[in-house]
PDB file of N, CA and C in Angstrom:
ATOM      1  N   MET A   1       0.840  -1.180   0.000  1.00  0.00           N
ATOM      2  CA  MET A   1       0.000   0.000   0.000  1.00  0.00           C
ATOM      3  C   MET A   1       0.885   1.243   0.000  1.00  0.00           C
ATOM      4  N   THR A   2       0.627   2.142  -0.901  1.00  0.00           N
ATOM      5  CA  THR A   2       1.372   3.397  -0.911  1.00  0.00           C
ATOM      6  C   THR A   2       0.499   4.478  -0.286  1.00  0.00           C
ATOM      7  N   ASP A   3       1.134   5.328   0.475  1.00  0.00           N
ATOM      8  CA  ASP A   3       0.383   6.422   1.072  1.00  0.00           C
ATOM      9  C   ASP A   3       0.476   7.645   0.180  1.00  0.00           C
ATOM     10  N   SER A   4      -0.363   8.611   0.440  1.00  0.00           N
ATOM     11  CA  SER A   4      -0.437   9.794  -0.420  1.00  0.00           C
ATOM     12  C   SER A   4       0.810  10.675  -0.318  1.00  0.00           C
ATOM     13  N   LEU A   5       1.525  10.638   0.800  1.00  0.00           N
ATOM     14  CA  LEU A   5       2.759  11.429   0.907  1.00  0.00           C
ATOM     15  C   LEU A   5       3.834  10.900  -0.042  1.00  0.00           C
ATOM     16  N   SER A   6       3.847   9.605  -0.284  1.00  0.00           N
ATOM     17  CA  SER A   6       4.880   9.033  -1.150  1.00  0.00           C
ATOM     18  C   SER A   6       4.704   9.444  -2.610  1.00  0.00           C
ATOM     19  N   LYS A   7       3.547   9.969  -2.948  1.00  0.00           N
ATOM     20  CA  LYS A   7       3.289  10.417  -4.324  1.00  0.00           C
ATOM     21  C   LYS A   7       3.728  11.869  -4.548  1.00  0.00           C
ATOM     22  N   LEU A   8       4.126  12.547  -3.485  1.00  0.00           N
ATOM     23  CA  LEU A   8       4.518  13.956  -3.590  1.00  0.00           C
ATOM     24  C   LEU A   8       5.977  14.086  -4.003  1.00  0.00           C
ATOM     25  N   PRO A   9       6.332  15.244  -4.586  1.00  0.00           N
ATOM     26  CA  PRO A   9       7.749  15.492  -4.867  1.00  0.00           C
ATOM     27  C   PRO A   9       8.519  15.685  -3.559  1.00  0.00           C
ATOM     28  N   LEU A  10       9.822  15.765  -3.638  1.00  0.00           N
ATOM     29  CA  LEU A  10      10.658  15.927  -2.450  1.00  0.00           C
ATOM     30  C   LEU A  10      10.273  17.167  -1.650  1.00  0.00           C
ATOM     31  N   PHE A  11       9.959  18.251  -2.328  1.00  0.00           N
ATOM     32  CA  PHE A  11       9.467  19.475  -1.706  1.00  0.00           C
ATOM     33  C   PHE A  11       8.086  19.746  -2.272  1.00  0.00           C
ATOM     34  N   ALA A  12       7.087  19.822  -1.398  1.00  0.00           N
ATOM     35  CA  ALA A  12       5.705  19.991  -1.841  1.00  0.00           C
ATOM     36  C   ALA A  12       5.121  21.299  -1.323  1.00  0.00           C
ATOM     37  N   THR A  13       4.141  21.805  -2.054  1.00  0.00           N
ATOM     38  CA  THR A  13       3.450  23.025  -1.630  1.00  0.00           C
ATOM     39  C   THR A  13       2.488  22.681  -0.500  1.00  0.00           C
ATOM     40  N   ASP A  14       2.022  23.712   0.188  1.00  0.00           N
ATOM     41  CA  ASP A  14       1.100  23.493   1.298  1.00  0.00           C
ATOM     42  C   ASP A  14      -0.192  22.824   0.846  1.00  0.00           C
ATOM     43  N   ILE A  15      -0.703  23.209  -0.309  1.00  0.00           N
ATOM     44  CA  ILE A  15      -1.960  22.612  -0.773  1.00  0.00           C
ATOM     45  C   ILE A  15      -1.749  21.157  -1.189  1.00  0.00           C
ATOM     46  N   GLU A  16      -0.599  20.834  -1.781  1.00  0.00           N
ATOM     47  CA  GLU A  16      -0.293  19.440  -2.114  1.00  0.00           C
ATOM     48  C   GLU A  16      -0.217  18.591  -0.843  1.00  0.00           C
ATOM     49  N   ILE A  17       0.416  19.146   0.180  1.00  0.00           N
ATOM     50  CA  ILE A  17       0.539  18.445   1.456  1.00  0.00           C
ATOM     51  C   ILE A  17      -0.840  18.273   2.087  1.00  0.00           C
ATOM     52  N   ALA A  18      -1.629  19.337   2.070  1.00  0.00           N
ATOM     53  CA  ALA A  18      -2.971  19.278   2.655  1.00  0.00           C
ATOM     54  C   ALA A  18      -3.825  18.208   1.988  1.00  0.00           C
ATOM     55  N   ILE A  19      -3.781  18.134   0.686  1.00  0.00           N
ATOM     56  CA  ILE A  19      -4.548  17.117  -0.045  1.00  0.00           C
ATOM     57  C   ILE A  19      -4.060  15.724   0.333  1.00  0.00           C
ATOM     58  N   ALA A  20      -2.760  15.565   0.454  1.00  0.00           N
ATOM     59  CA  ALA A  20      -2.200  14.258   0.814  1.00  0.00           C
ATOM     60  C   ALA A  20      -2.574  13.857   2.241  1.00  0.00           C
ATOM     61  N   VAL A  21      -2.671  14.830   3.133  1.00  0.00           N
ATOM     62  CA  VAL A  21      -2.927  14.525   4.541  1.00  0.00           C
ATOM     63  C   VAL A  21      -4.415  14.322   4.822  1.00  0.00           C
ATOM     64  N   VAL A  22      -5.268  15.236   4.356  1.00  0.00           N
ATOM     65  CA  VAL A  22      -6.694  15.162   4.712  1.00  0.00           C
ATOM     66  C   VAL A  22      -7.634  15.017   3.525  1.00  0.00           C
ATOM     67  N   GLY A  23      -7.108  15.008   2.322  1.00  0.00           N
ATOM     68  CA  GLY A  23      -7.967  14.875   1.139  1.00  0.00           C
ATOM     69  C   GLY A  23      -8.357  16.225   0.566  1.00  0.00           C
ATOM     70  N   LYS A  24      -8.800  16.170  -0.678  1.00  0.00           N
ATOM     71  CA  LYS A  24      -9.102  17.397  -1.421  1.00  0.00           C
ATOM     72  C   LYS A  24     -10.245  18.202  -0.802  1.00  0.00           C
ATOM     73  N   ALA A  25     -11.268  17.537  -0.289  1.00  0.00           N
ATOM     74  CA  ALA A  25     -12.438  18.235   0.253  1.00  0.00           C
ATOM     75  C   ALA A  25     -12.101  19.069   1.489  1.00  0.00           C
ATOM     76  N   ARG A  26     -11.145  18.630   2.290  1.00  0.00           N
ATOM     77  CA  ARG A  26     -10.815  19.340   3.531  1.00  0.00           C
ATOM     78  C   ARG A  26      -9.484  20.076   3.472  1.00  0.00           C
ATOM     79  N   ALA A  27      -8.824  20.079   2.331  1.00  0.00           N
ATOM     80  CA  ALA A  27      -7.482  20.652   2.207  1.00  0.00           C
ATOM     81  C   ALA A  27      -7.424  22.139   2.546  1.00  0.00           C
ATOM     82  N   SER A  28      -8.364  22.930   2.047  1.00  0.00           N
ATOM     83  CA  SER A  28      -8.330  24.383   2.300  1.00  0.00           C
ATOM     84  C   SER A  28      -8.489  24.684   3.785  1.00  0.00           C
ATOM     85  N   GLU A  29      -9.403  23.985   4.436  1.00  0.00           N
ATOM     86  CA  GLU A  29      -9.606  24.191   5.880  1.00  0.00           C
ATOM     87  C   GLU A  29      -8.365  23.789   6.669  1.00  0.00           C
ATOM     88  N   TRP A  30      -7.739  22.653   6.310  1.00  0.00           N
ATOM     89  CA  TRP A  30      -6.523  22.194   6.986  1.00  0.00           C
ATOM     90  C   TRP A  30      -5.412  23.235   6.836  1.00  0.00           C
ATOM     91  N   LYS A  31      -5.254  23.743   5.613  1.00  0.00           N
ATOM     92  CA  LYS A  31      -4.201  24.738   5.350  1.00  0.00           C
ATOM     93  C   LYS A  31      -4.436  26.011   6.160  1.00  0.00           C
ATOM     94  N   ARG A  32      -5.689  26.421   6.267  1.00  0.00           N
ATOM     95  CA  ARG A  32      -6.012  27.672   6.950  1.00  0.00           C
ATOM     96  C   ARG A  32      -5.962  27.531   8.479  1.00  0.00           C
ATOM     97  N   SER A  33      -6.490  26.440   9.032  1.00  0.00           N
ATOM     98  CA  SER A  33      -6.610  26.380  10.487  1.00  0.00           C
ATOM     99  C   SER A  33      -5.638  25.427  11.176  1.00  0.00           C
ATOM    100  N   VAL A  34      -5.275  24.330  10.541  1.00  0.00           N
ATOM    101  CA  VAL A  34      -4.412  23.349  11.195  1.00  0.00           C
ATOM    102  C   VAL A  34      -2.935  23.664  10.973  1.00  0.00           C
ATOM    103  N   LEU A  35      -2.566  24.031   9.777  1.00  0.00           N
ATOM    104  CA  LEU A  35      -1.162  24.268   9.448  1.00  0.00           C
ATOM    105  C   LEU A  35      -0.479  25.264  10.378  1.00  0.00           C
ATOM    106  N   PRO A  36      -1.081  26.411  10.686  1.00  0.00           N
ATOM    107  CA  PRO A  36      -0.400  27.327  11.626  1.00  0.00           C
ATOM    108  C   PRO A  36      -0.180  26.714  13.017  1.00  0.00           C
ATOM    109  N   VAL A  37      -1.097  25.885  13.454  1.00  0.00           N
ATOM    110  CA  VAL A  37      -0.976  25.271  14.776  1.00  0.00           C
ATOM    111  C   VAL A  37       0.158  24.254  14.783  1.00  0.00           C
ATOM    112  N   ILE A  38       0.186  23.369  13.785  1.00  0.00           N
ATOM    113  CA  ILE A  38       1.230  22.335  13.794  1.00  0.00           C
ATOM    114  C   ILE A  38       2.599  22.894  13.420  1.00  0.00           C
ATOM    115  N   GLU A  39       2.619  23.978  12.659  1.00  0.00           N
ATOM    116  CA  GLU A  39       3.902  24.616  12.349  1.00  0.00           C
ATOM    117  C   GLU A  39       4.544  25.162  13.625  1.00  0.00           C
ATOM    118  N   ALA A  40       3.724  25.665  14.533  1.00  0.00           N
ATOM    119  CA  ALA A  40       4.234  26.152  15.820  1.00  0.00           C
ATOM    120  C   ALA A  40       4.723  25.005  16.694  1.00  0.00           C
ATOM    121  N   ARG A  41       4.293  23.784  16.373  1.00  0.00           N
ATOM    122  CA  ARG A  41       4.679  22.595  17.146  1.00  0.00           C
ATOM    123  C   ARG A  41       5.765  21.771  16.462  1.00  0.00           C
ATOM    124  N   GLY A  42       6.435  22.351  15.475  1.00  0.00           N
ATOM    125  CA  GLY A  42       7.563  21.659  14.872  1.00  0.00           C
ATOM    126  C   GLY A  42       7.349  21.113  13.474  1.00  0.00           C
ATOM    127  N   PHE A  43       6.204  21.376  12.864  1.00  0.00           N
ATOM    128  CA  PHE A  43       5.982  20.947  11.488  1.00  0.00           C
ATOM    129  C   PHE A  43       7.035  21.617  10.596  1.00  0.00           C
ATOM    130  N   PRO A  44       7.596  20.898   9.632  1.00  0.00           N
ATOM    131  CA  PRO A  44       8.669  21.454   8.801  1.00  0.00           C
ATOM    132  C   PRO A  44       8.291  22.778   8.140  1.00  0.00           C
ATOM    133  N   LYS A  45       9.225  23.697   8.165  1.00  0.00           N
ATOM    134  CA  LYS A  45       9.024  25.035   7.591  1.00  0.00           C
ATOM    135  C   LYS A  45       9.107  25.002   6.066  1.00  0.00           C
ATOM    136  N   PHE A  46       8.509  25.999   5.456  1.00  0.00           N
ATOM    137  CA  PHE A  46       8.570  26.197   4.009  1.00  0.00           C
ATOM    138  C   PHE A  46       9.994  26.573   3.620  1.00  0.00           C
ATOM    139  N   ASP A  47      10.521  25.926   2.600  1.00  0.00           N
ATOM    140  CA  ASP A  47      11.873  26.206   2.104  1.00  0.00           C
ATOM    141  C   ASP A  47      11.742  27.050   0.835  1.00  0.00           C
ATOM    142  N   PRO A  48      12.047  28.365   0.917  1.00  0.00           N
ATOM    143  CA  PRO A  48      11.862  29.240  -0.248  1.00  0.00           C
ATOM    144  C   PRO A  48      12.769  28.872  -1.427  1.00  0.00           C
ATOM    145  N   LEU A  49      13.918  28.302  -1.160  1.00  0.00           N
ATOM    146  CA  LEU A  49      14.820  27.913  -2.238  1.00  0.00           C
ATOM    147  C   LEU A  49      14.193  26.827  -3.122  1.00  0.00           C
ATOM    148  N   HIS A  50      13.476  25.904  -2.492  1.00  0.00           N
ATOM    149  CA  HIS A  50      12.871  24.805  -3.235  1.00  0.00           C
ATOM    150  C   HIS A  50      11.375  24.994  -3.489  1.00  0.00           C
ATOM    151  N   GLY A  51      10.790  26.012  -2.915  1.00  0.00           N
ATOM    152  CA  GLY A  51       9.387  26.315  -3.162  1.00  0.00           C
ATOM    153  C   GLY A  51       8.407  25.355  -2.513  1.00  0.00           C
ATOM    154  N   GLY A  52       8.788  24.786  -1.392  1.00  0.00           N
ATOM    155  CA  GLY A  52       7.881  23.868  -0.711  1.00  0.00           C
ATOM    156  C   GLY A  52       8.451  23.406   0.614  1.00  0.00           C
ATOM    157  N   ARG A  53       7.753  22.471   1.217  1.00  0.00           N
ATOM    158  CA  ARG A  53       8.190  21.881   2.485  1.00  0.00           C
ATOM    159  C   ARG A  53       8.780  20.501   2.208  1.00  0.00           C
ATOM    160  N   PRO A  54       9.823  20.108   2.940  1.00  0.00           N
ATOM    161  CA  PRO A  54      10.466  18.814   2.689  1.00  0.00           C
ATOM    162  C   PRO A  54       9.574  17.643   3.134  1.00  0.00           C
ATOM    163  N   VAL A  55       9.146  16.861   2.172  1.00  0.00           N
ATOM    164  CA  VAL A  55       8.219  15.758   2.426  1.00  0.00           C
ATOM    165  C   VAL A  55       8.795  14.692   3.368  1.00  0.00           C
ATOM    166  N   PRO A  56      10.084  14.319   3.266  1.00  0.00           N
ATOM    167  CA  PRO A  56      10.589  13.333   4.233  1.00  0.00           C
ATOM    168  C   PRO A  56      10.464  13.808   5.687  1.00  0.00           C
ATOM    169  N   LEU A  57      10.639  15.102   5.913  1.00  0.00           N
ATOM    170  CA  LEU A  57      10.484  15.630   7.272  1.00  0.00           C
ATOM    171  C   LEU A  57       9.022  15.673   7.691  1.00  0.00           C
ATOM    172  N   ILE A  58       8.129  15.870   6.725  1.00  0.00           N
ATOM    173  CA  ILE A  58       6.698  15.841   7.018  1.00  0.00           C
ATOM    174  C   ILE A  58       6.297  14.425   7.424  1.00  0.00           C
ATOM    175  N   ARG A  59       6.818  13.442   6.709  1.00  0.00           N
ATOM    176  CA  ARG A  59       6.547  12.042   7.058  1.00  0.00           C
ATOM    177  C   ARG A  59       7.063  11.757   8.476  1.00  0.00           C
ATOM    178  N   HIS A  60       8.264  12.223   8.768  1.00  0.00           N
ATOM    179  CA  HIS A  60       8.848  12.029  10.099  1.00  0.00           C
ATOM    180  C   HIS A  60       7.982  12.703  11.170  1.00  0.00           C
ATOM    181  N   TYR A  61       7.497  13.900  10.888  1.00  0.00           N
ATOM    182  CA  TYR A  61       6.636  14.625  11.819  1.00  0.00           C
ATOM    183  C   TYR A  61       5.387  13.804  12.132  1.00  0.00           C
ATOM    184  N   TYR A  62       4.736  13.298  11.087  1.00  0.00           N
ATOM    185  CA  TYR A  62       3.506  12.536  11.308  1.00  0.00           C
ATOM    186  C   TYR A  62       3.780  11.170  11.932  1.00  0.00           C
ATOM    187  N   ASP A  63       4.905  10.565  11.641  1.00  0.00           N
ATOM    188  CA  ASP A  63       5.264   9.313  12.313  1.00  0.00           C
ATOM    189  C   ASP A  63       5.379   9.532  13.817  1.00  0.00           C
ATOM    190  N   ALA A  64       6.023  10.642  14.195  1.00  0.00           N
ATOM    191  CA  ALA A  64       6.157  10.960  15.615  1.00  0.00           C
ATOM    192  C   ALA A  64       4.798  11.341  16.209  1.00  0.00           C
ATOM    193  N   TYR A  65       4.015  12.107  15.477  1.00  0.00           N
ATOM    194  CA  TYR A  65       2.696  12.549  15.941  1.00  0.00           C
ATOM    195  C   TYR A  65       1.770  11.358  16.199  1.00  0.00           C
ATOM    196  N   LEU A  66       1.843  10.377  15.334  1.00  0.00           N
ATOM    197  CA  LEU A  66       0.986   9.202  15.456  1.00  0.00           C
ATOM    198  C   LEU A  66       1.595   8.112  16.334  1.00  0.00           C
ATOM    199  N   GLY A  67       2.807   8.340  16.826  1.00  0.00           N
ATOM    200  CA  GLY A  67       3.456   7.360  17.669  1.00  0.00           C
ATOM    201  C   GLY A  67       4.104   6.227  16.904  1.00  0.00           C
ATOM    202  N   LEU A  68       4.319   6.412  15.612  1.00  0.00           N
ATOM    203  CA  LEU A  68       4.913   5.361  14.785  1.00  0.00           C
ATOM    204  C   LEU A  68       6.431   5.403  14.796  1.00  0.00           C
ATOM    205  N   ALA A  69       7.009   6.497  15.275  1.00  0.00           N
ATOM    206  CA  ALA A  69       8.459   6.637  15.251  1.00  0.00           C
ATOM    207  C   ALA A  69       9.120   5.917  16.420  1.00  0.00           C
ATOM    208  N   GLN A  70       8.331   5.477  17.384  1.00  0.00           N
ATOM    209  CA  GLN A  70       8.896   4.801  18.535  1.00  0.00           C
ATOM    210  C   GLN A  70       9.102   3.332  18.207  1.00  0.00           C
ATOM    211  N   PRO A  71      10.151   2.741  18.753  1.00  0.00           N
ATOM    212  CA  PRO A  71      10.396   1.329  18.465  1.00  0.00           C
ATOM    213  C   PRO A  71       9.276   0.447  18.991  1.00  0.00           C
ATOM    214  N   ILE A  72       8.977  -0.572  18.247  1.00  0.00           N
ATOM    215  CA  ILE A  72       7.963  -1.524  18.659  1.00  0.00           C
ATOM    216  C   ILE A  72       8.675  -2.663  19.367  1.00  0.00           C
ATOM    217  N   HIS A  73       8.288  -2.915  20.589  1.00  0.00           N
ATOM    218  CA  HIS A  73       8.919  -3.969  21.374  1.00  0.00           C
ATOM    219  C   HIS A  73       8.067  -5.231  21.304  1.00  0.00           C
ATOM    220  N   THR A  74       8.705  -6.301  20.959  1.00  0.00           N
ATOM    221  CA  THR A  74       8.002  -7.579  20.966  1.00  0.00           C
ATOM    222  C   THR A  74       8.637  -8.470  22.014  1.00  0.00           C
ATOM    223  N   ALA A  75       7.847  -9.290  22.617  1.00  0.00           N
ATOM    224  CA  ALA A  75       8.360 -10.189  23.643  1.00  0.00           C
ATOM    225  C   ALA A  75       9.102 -11.336  22.973  1.00  0.00           C
ATOM    226  N   GLY A  76      10.294 -11.577  23.429  1.00  0.00           N
ATOM    227  CA  GLY A  76      11.072 -12.691  22.918  1.00  0.00           C
ATOM    228  C   GLY A  76      10.894 -13.892  23.827  1.00  0.00           C
ATOM    229  N   PRO A  77      11.403 -15.012  23.411  1.00  0.00           N
ATOM    230  CA  PRO A  77      11.271 -16.198  24.261  1.00  0.00           C
ATOM    231  C   PRO A  77      12.082 -16.032  25.538  1.00  0.00           C
ATOM    232  N   ASP A  78      11.501 -16.481  26.607  1.00  0.00           N
ATOM    233  CA  ASP A  78      12.196 -16.419  27.891  1.00  0.00           C
ATOM    234  C   ASP A  78      13.233 -17.526  27.966  1.00  0.00           C
ATOM    235  N   GLY A  79      14.289 -17.252  28.704  1.00  0.00           N
ATOM    236  CA  GLY A  79      15.300 -18.269  28.954  1.00  0.00           C
ATOM    237  C   GLY A  79      14.920 -19.102  30.163  1.00  0.00           C
ATOM    238  N   GLU A  80      15.794 -19.988  30.519  1.00  0.00           N
ATOM    239  CA  GLU A  80      15.569 -20.817  31.699  1.00  0.00           C
ATOM    240  C   GLU A  80      15.644 -19.948  32.939  1.00  0.00           C
ATOM    241  N   GLU A  81      14.709 -20.121  33.833  1.00  0.00           N
ATOM    242  CA  GLU A  81      14.681 -19.305  35.038  1.00  0.00           C
ATOM    243  C   GLU A  81      15.522 -19.947  36.129  1.00  0.00           C
ATOM    244  N   ARG A  82      16.366 -19.131  36.743  1.00  0.00           N
ATOM    245  CA  ARG A  82      17.223 -19.576  37.847  1.00  0.00           C
ATOM    246  C   ARG A  82      17.037 -18.583  38.979  1.00  0.00           C
ATOM    247  N   LEU A  83      15.922 -18.693  39.637  1.00  0.00           N
ATOM    248  CA  LEU A  83      15.492 -17.666  40.589  1.00  0.00           C
ATOM    249  C   LEU A  83      16.438 -17.439  41.759  1.00  0.00           C
ATOM    250  N   GLY A  84      17.111 -18.439  42.251  1.00  0.00           N
ATOM    251  CA  GLY A  84      17.951 -18.252  43.414  1.00  0.00           C
ATOM    252  C   GLY A  84      19.367 -17.815  43.112  1.00  0.00           C
ATOM    253  N   GLU A  85      19.773 -17.799  41.873  1.00  0.00           N
ATOM    254  CA  GLU A  85      21.171 -17.521  41.532  1.00  0.00           C
ATOM    255  C   GLU A  85      21.621 -16.100  41.799  1.00  0.00           C
ATOM    256  N   TRP A  86      20.749 -15.160  41.697  1.00  0.00           N
ATOM    257  CA  TRP A  86      21.171 -13.768  41.886  1.00  0.00           C
ATOM    258  C   TRP A  86      21.518 -13.497  43.344  1.00  0.00           C
ATOM    259  N   LYS A  87      21.078 -14.342  44.231  1.00  0.00           N
ATOM    260  CA  LYS A  87      21.293 -14.103  45.658  1.00  0.00           C
ATOM    261  C   LYS A  87      22.249 -15.163  46.210  1.00  0.00           C
ATOM    262  N   LYS A  88      23.496 -15.052  45.870  1.00  0.00           N
ATOM    263  CA  LYS A  88      24.513 -15.997  46.322  1.00  0.00           C
ATOM    264  C   LYS A  88      24.900 -15.678  47.766  1.00  0.00           C
ATOM    265  N   SER A  89      25.361 -16.660  48.430  1.00  0.00           N
ATOM    266  CA  SER A  89      25.807 -16.497  49.806  1.00  0.00           C
ATOM    267  C   SER A  89      27.041 -15.599  49.834  1.00  0.00           C
ATOM    268  N   ARG A  90      27.151 -14.754  50.840  1.00  0.00           N
ATOM    269  CA  ARG A  90      28.323 -13.872  50.958  1.00  0.00           C
ATOM    270  C   ARG A  90      29.598 -14.687  51.183  1.00  0.00           C
ATOM    271  N   ARG A  91      29.474 -15.847  51.774  1.00  0.00           N
ATOM    272  CA  ARG A  91      30.650 -16.678  52.030  1.00  0.00           C
ATOM    273  C   ARG A  91      31.283 -17.161  50.723  1.00  0.00           C
ATOM    274  N   ASN A  92      30.491 -17.325  49.693  1.00  0.00           N
ATOM    275  CA  ASN A  92      31.011 -17.856  48.433  1.00  0.00           C
ATOM    276  C   ASN A  92      31.632 -16.785  47.540  1.00  0.00           C
ATOM    277  N   ARG A  93      31.469 -15.539  47.900  1.00  0.00           N
ATOM    278  CA  ARG A  93      32.023 -14.460  47.085  1.00  0.00           C
ATOM    279  C   ARG A  93      33.517 -14.339  47.317  1.00  0.00           C
ATOM    280  N   THR A  94      34.232 -13.976  46.281  1.00  0.00           N
ATOM    281  CA  THR A  94      35.667 -13.729  46.438  1.00  0.00           C
ATOM    282  C   THR A  94      35.868 -12.251  46.706  1.00  0.00           C
ATOM    283  N   LYS A  95      36.791 -11.960  47.560  1.00  0.00           N
ATOM    284  CA  LYS A  95      37.042 -10.564  47.905  1.00  0.00           C
ATOM    285  C   LYS A  95      37.991  -9.949  46.885  1.00  0.00           C
ATOM    286  N   THR A  96      37.764  -8.684  46.609  1.00  0.00           N
ATOM    287  CA  THR A  96      38.661  -7.951  45.722  1.00  0.00           C
ATOM    288  C   THR A  96      39.812  -7.409  46.547  1.00  0.00           C
ATOM    289  N   LYS A  97      40.780  -6.811  45.905  1.00  0.00           N
ATOM    290  CA  LYS A  97      41.920  -6.287  46.639  1.00  0.00           C
ATOM    291  C   LYS A  97      41.541  -5.076  47.500  1.00  0.00           C
ATOM    292  N   TRP A  98      40.354  -4.511  47.292  1.00  0.00           N
ATOM    293  CA  TRP A  98      39.908  -3.383  48.101  1.00  0.00           C
ATOM    294  C   TRP A  98      39.093  -3.837  49.291  1.00  0.00           C
ATOM    295  N   GLY A  99      38.816  -5.140  49.395  1.00  0.00           N
ATOM    296  CA  GLY A  99      38.122  -5.648  50.569  1.00  0.00           C
ATOM    297  C   GLY A  99      36.663  -5.986  50.342  1.00  0.00           C
ATOM    298  N   ASP A 100      35.982  -5.306  49.439  1.00  0.00           N
ATOM    299  CA  ASP A 100      34.570  -5.593  49.178  1.00  0.00           C
ATOM    300  C   ASP A 100      34.422  -6.254  47.825  1.00  0.00           C
ATOM    301  N   PRO A 101      33.403  -7.094  47.694  1.00  0.00           N
ATOM    302  CA  PRO A 101      33.169  -7.732  46.397  1.00  0.00           C
ATOM    303  C   PRO A 101      32.737  -6.751  45.351  1.00  0.00           C
TER     304      PRO A 101
END
């Protein structure tokens, strides 16, 4: 499945981004009311040299916004449990040259 951001050029205009994010019907409203709010929260700035905003950074912004940028932790297989091993007797410990183990 390809997302709409992947169809944009490297630097896209605000209206191109708006259409990709919320669709054509809501693009003007998103550009007018949402864009100023998210720009204040770190949304990538307009690059006048390239005439648009950097799409890879926009993708990164939304990945973080949606919680997709965080690593996904999966449970791995457990090893053999040795519950008493961490608590060895003090008598069995070897002393270091400083006196404490």
